[in-house]
Amino acid sequence: MTIATDREDLALVLEGVPGVNGHAYKPSAPAEGDAWPRLVSIVREQGIVLRPTWAILVWLSSDERVASAWIDEHFADLVEALSADASPGFVDEGEPALMQVGRNDHPMLEITLKTVG
């Protein structure tokens, strides 16, 4: 596996989750449910294996109640899909987050995932 193939494989896994639109990169005009992997770091473990860490970012509604309901409804399905045999990695954690867009913050779901490079 490579970082480029991991990115594409993660986008395919995300695309398979109901209510989620998977992308390899952030769409230019994201909509609720759009999700993409963002490379966070690459660590060499025991001098042998390169382990990339990804933030799986999911664009949520700007309405906090709607965003929370979306997480309630979809989080378990996302974790299950990202942890399945078809996924190139495993989930460490997930949390609500904010992404700065211009001068405003926009709600996101951020799931931390590691793959083996």
Protein backbone atom coordinates (compact mmCIF):
# COMPACT_ATOMS: atom_id res chain seq x y z
CA MET A 1 0.00 0.00 0.00
CA THR A 2 1.02 3.56 -0.59
CA ILE A 3 -0.32 6.85 0.69
CA ALA A 4 -1.95 7.54 -2.69
CA THR A 5 -3.69 4.15 -2.79
CA ASP A 6 -4.71 4.49 0.88
CA ARG A 7 -6.35 7.83 0.05
CA GLU A 8 -8.31 6.33 -2.85
CA ASP A 9 -9.24 3.22 -0.84
CA LEU A 10 -10.49 5.36 2.06
CA ALA A 11 -12.60 7.44 -0.35
CA LEU A 12 -14.18 4.22 -1.68
CA VAL A 13 -14.90 2.96 1.84
CA LEU A 14 -16.49 6.31 2.74
CA GLU A 15 -18.59 6.25 -0.43
CA GLY A 16 -20.07 2.93 0.70
CA VAL A 17 -21.55 4.38 3.91
CA PRO A 18 -25.20 5.46 3.59
CA GLY A 19 -25.55 9.23 3.94
CA VAL A 20 -21.85 9.82 3.18
CA ASN A 21 -20.28 11.05 -0.07
CA GLY A 22 -16.67 9.87 -0.17
CA HIS A 23 -13.94 11.93 -1.83
CA ALA A 24 -10.18 11.46 -2.11
CA TYR A 25 -9.67 15.19 -1.45
CA LYS A 26 -11.76 18.01 0.03
CA PRO A 27 -14.41 19.06 -2.48
CA SER A 28 -14.29 22.70 -3.57
CA ALA A 29 -17.83 23.29 -2.26
CA PRO A 30 -18.50 20.63 0.41
CA ALA A 31 -22.06 19.68 1.34
CA GLU A 32 -23.43 17.92 4.41
CA GLY A 33 -22.20 14.32 4.43
CA ASP A 34 -19.16 14.92 2.20
CA ALA A 35 -16.15 13.11 3.66
CA TRP A 36 -12.48 12.90 2.73
CA PRO A 37 -9.16 11.76 4.22
CA ARG A 38 -6.55 14.34 5.24
CA LEU A 39 -3.03 13.08 5.91
CA VAL A 40 -1.99 14.14 9.43
CA SER A 41 1.39 12.46 9.94
CA ILE A 42 3.64 9.57 8.94
CA VAL A 43 5.56 7.78 11.70
CA ARG A 44 8.29 5.17 11.26
CA GLU A 45 7.63 2.37 13.74
CA GLN A 46 10.50 0.19 14.94
CA GLY A 47 12.60 1.49 12.05
CA ILE A 48 10.68 -0.73 9.63
CA VAL A 49 7.07 0.25 9.01
CA LEU A 50 5.75 3.64 7.92
CA ARG A 51 2.37 4.25 9.57
CA PRO A 52 0.32 7.13 8.15
CA THR A 53 -2.27 8.75 10.40
CA TRP A 54 -5.34 10.21 8.70
CA ALA A 55 -8.09 12.53 9.79
CA ILE A 56 -11.30 11.44 8.11
CA LEU A 57 -13.22 14.71 7.87
CA VAL A 58 -16.98 14.81 7.44
CA TRP A 59 -18.71 18.10 6.59
CA LEU A 60 -21.74 18.69 8.82
CA SER A 61 -24.63 21.12 8.90
CA SER A 62 -23.89 24.54 10.38
CA ASP A 63 -26.92 23.98 12.63
CA GLU A 64 -25.51 22.40 15.79
CA ARG A 65 -28.59 20.31 16.51
CA VAL A 66 -28.69 18.93 12.94
CA ALA A 67 -24.93 18.26 13.05
CA SER A 68 -25.26 16.38 16.35
CA ALA A 69 -28.15 14.32 14.99
CA TRP A 70 -26.08 13.46 11.89
CA ILE A 71 -23.24 12.18 14.11
CA ASP A 72 -25.71 10.18 16.22
CA GLU A 73 -27.13 8.55 13.10
CA HIS A 74 -23.94 7.87 11.11
CA PHE A 75 -20.96 7.54 13.47
CA ALA A 76 -21.31 3.80 14.18
CA ASP A 77 -21.68 3.03 10.45
CA LEU A 78 -18.58 5.08 9.64
CA VAL A 79 -16.48 3.35 12.30
CA GLU A 80 -17.72 -0.07 11.17
CA ALA A 81 -16.90 0.64 7.52
CA LEU A 82 -13.49 2.16 8.32
CA SER A 83 -12.63 -0.83 10.53
CA ALA A 84 -13.84 -3.56 8.13
CA ASP A 85 -11.53 -5.86 6.21
CA ALA A 86 -12.04 -3.76 3.04
CA SER A 87 -10.57 -0.70 4.77
CA PRO A 88 -6.80 -0.11 4.68
CA GLY A 89 -6.68 0.94 8.33
CA PHE A 90 -8.21 1.03 11.77
CA VAL A 91 -10.03 3.72 13.71
CA ASP A 92 -8.43 5.22 16.82
CA GLU A 93 -11.09 7.78 17.80
CA GLY A 94 -13.67 10.26 16.62
CA GLU A 95 -14.80 13.66 17.81
CA PRO A 96 -16.78 16.72 16.74
CA ALA A 97 -14.47 19.43 15.42
CA LEU A 98 -14.48 22.82 13.73
CA MET A 99 -12.79 23.81 10.46
CA GLN A 100 -12.02 27.45 9.79
CA VAL A 101 -13.71 28.59 6.60
CA GLY A 102 -12.87 32.21 5.87
CA ARG A 103 -13.57 34.03 9.12
CA ASN A 104 -16.03 31.44 10.43
CA ASP A 105 -15.81 27.97 11.96
CA HIS A 106 -17.75 25.12 10.36
CA PRO A 107 -18.79 21.92 12.20
CA MET A 108 -17.06 18.71 11.20
CA LEU A 109 -16.76 15.16 12.41
CA GLU A 110 -13.12 14.11 12.66
CA ILE A 111 -12.22 10.41 12.84
CA THR A 112 -8.58 9.50 13.42
CA LEU A 113 -7.46 6.44 11.49
CA LYS A 114 -4.08 4.73 10.96
CA THR A 115 -2.98 2.76 7.92
CA VAL A 116 0.16 0.78 7.19
CA GLY A 117 2.16 2.45 4.41
